[in-house]
Protein backbone atom coordinates (compact mmCIF):
# COMPACT_ATOMS: atom_id res chain seq x y z
CA MET A 1 20.84 133.65 128.87
CA LEU A 2 22.46 134.27 125.63
CA TYR A 3 20.54 133.79 122.36
CA THR A 4 21.49 134.26 118.72
CA LEU A 5 18.87 135.42 116.28
CA LEU A 6 20.03 134.35 112.77
CA CYS A 7 18.58 136.44 110.01
CA TYR A 8 17.66 134.88 106.81
CA ASN A 9 16.37 136.49 103.69
CA LYS A 10 16.72 136.30 99.92
CA GLU A 11 20.18 137.88 99.45
CA ASP A 12 19.59 138.86 95.85
CA VAL A 13 16.53 141.00 96.91
CA VAL A 14 18.40 142.61 99.88
CA TRP A 15 21.46 143.49 97.92
CA SER A 16 19.47 144.94 95.06
CA TRP A 17 17.85 147.52 97.62
CA THR A 18 18.60 151.05 96.65
CA LYS A 19 20.30 153.06 99.37
CA GLU A 20 17.00 154.68 100.13
CA GLU A 21 15.24 151.19 100.72
CA ASP A 22 18.14 149.97 102.75
CA ASP A 23 18.02 153.00 104.89
CA ALA A 24 14.38 152.64 105.39
CA VAL A 25 14.76 149.17 106.78
CA MET A 26 17.72 150.08 108.83
CA SER A 27 15.79 152.93 110.36
CA ARG A 28 12.93 150.53 111.36
CA LEU A 29 15.40 148.12 112.76
CA SER A 30 17.28 150.84 114.80
CA VAL A 31 14.15 151.48 116.75
CA VAL A 32 14.48 147.90 118.17
CA HIS A 33 18.33 147.97 118.37
CA GLU A 34 18.15 151.25 120.50
CA ARG A 35 15.66 149.82 122.90
CA LEU A 36 17.74 146.65 123.31
CA VAL A 37 20.76 148.69 123.91
CA LYS A 38 18.89 150.85 126.54
CA ASP A 39 17.83 147.71 128.45
CA GLY A 40 21.30 146.25 128.22
CA LYS A 41 20.24 143.28 126.07
CA LEU A 42 21.99 143.79 122.75
CA GLY A 43 25.31 142.26 122.22
CA THR A 44 27.15 141.79 118.91
CA SER A 45 25.16 142.33 115.72
CA LEU A 46 26.58 141.65 112.34
CA ARG A 47 25.59 142.07 108.77
CA LEU A 48 27.09 139.57 106.61
CA LEU A 49 28.44 140.19 103.01
CA PRO A 50 26.90 138.25 100.27
CA THR A 51 27.42 134.45 99.79
CA THR A 52 29.50 135.34 96.59
CA ALA A 53 32.11 136.64 99.12
CA ALA A 54 32.03 133.34 101.13
CA ALA A 55 33.92 130.05 101.09
CA THR A 56 33.40 126.80 102.69
CA LEU A 57 35.99 124.54 104.20
CA ARG A 58 35.11 121.00 103.93
CA GLY A 59 38.04 118.71 105.07
CA ASN A 60 41.03 120.10 103.04
CA MET A 61 38.92 121.36 100.18
CA VAL A 62 37.80 125.14 99.81
CA ILE A 63 34.73 125.57 97.94
CA ASP A 64 33.34 128.89 96.94
CA GLY A 65 30.11 130.01 98.63
CA PRO A 66 28.34 128.58 101.61
CA PHE A 67 26.05 126.31 99.63
CA ALA A 68 22.99 126.96 101.39
CA GLU A 69 20.27 124.41 100.86
CA THR A 70 17.49 126.82 100.89
CA LYS A 71 16.32 130.01 98.81
CA GLU A 72 17.20 132.12 101.79
CA GLN A 73 20.61 132.79 102.90
CA LEU A 74 21.89 133.81 106.41
CA LEU A 75 22.66 137.57 106.06
CA GLY A 76 23.48 138.55 109.62
CA PHE A 77 22.84 137.80 113.25
CA TYR A 78 22.25 139.22 116.56
CA VAL A 79 23.41 138.12 119.94
CA ILE A 80 20.96 139.12 122.76
CA ASP A 81 21.00 138.68 126.58
CA VAL A 82 17.51 137.76 127.68
CA GLU A 83 15.78 135.73 130.24
CA ASN A 84 14.53 132.82 128.19
CA LEU A 85 13.34 131.56 124.72
CA GLU A 86 10.08 133.34 125.18
CA ALA A 87 11.94 136.67 125.58
CA ALA A 88 14.31 135.85 122.62
CA LEU A 89 11.20 135.04 120.43
CA ASP A 90 9.66 138.42 121.37
CA VAL A 91 12.84 140.25 120.15
CA ALA A 92 12.60 138.31 117.15
CA LYS A 93 9.10 139.22 116.56
CA GLU A 94 9.91 143.03 116.79
CA LEU A 95 12.91 142.66 114.23
CA SER A 96 10.50 140.68 111.90
CA ALA A 97 7.87 143.41 112.11
CA ALA A 98 10.65 146.02 111.18
CA ASN A 99 11.96 143.85 108.29
CA PRO A 100 9.01 141.54 107.37
CA THR A 101 10.65 139.81 104.36
CA SER A 102 13.32 138.24 106.80
CA VAL A 103 12.98 134.98 108.79
CA TYR A 104 14.71 134.80 112.20
CA GLU A 105 15.98 131.47 113.66
CA VAL A 106 16.18 131.70 117.40
CA ARG A 107 18.96 129.64 119.19
CA PRO A 108 20.46 129.55 122.69
CA VAL A 109 24.26 130.01 122.72
CA ALA A 110 26.65 128.13 124.71
CA LEU A 111 29.31 130.70 125.67
CA PHE A 112 32.66 129.64 124.14
CA VAL A 113 34.90 132.65 124.79
CA PRO A 114 33.44 135.22 127.25
CA ASP A 115 32.92 138.67 125.80
CA ALA A 116 34.29 141.82 127.47
CA ARG A 117 31.15 143.88 127.86
CA PRO A 118 30.46 145.28 131.41
CA ASN A 119 28.06 142.99 133.16
CA ALA A 120 28.46 140.29 130.50
CA PRO A 121 28.19 136.74 131.70
CA LYS A 122 31.48 135.37 132.79
CA ASP A 123 30.84 131.62 133.00
CA VAL A 124 32.15 129.59 130.13
CA ILE A 125 29.36 126.94 129.27
CA ARG A 126 30.60 123.81 127.60
CA ALA A 127 28.29 122.35 125.19
CA TYR A 128 30.19 119.01 124.94
């Protein structure tokens, strides 16, 4: 089953990291990434740009920024293919150990448009 791991952190802290600090975090995360790739479990992983580069469409109105209701913003996400929620939480725990200031929200994903990865799930799951 596909799960998305949403990575939250305080973006002012993350975007203030020096290149060396950022490289150190990314190096620790790459250990987990490489294992997931080897196991065929890592799908798309994206790092979002700061919320200052975002916009929200609400009806016909475009508003600057995402207007998160928390002090932490969504900074990126992983899509992983694991057996169940427990396995997804295990991956989130590994990522959290590598980047301890982040918070990971784990949510199952209803496949809307199948991806083109070899051995990727081909069934479209309708959540509605």
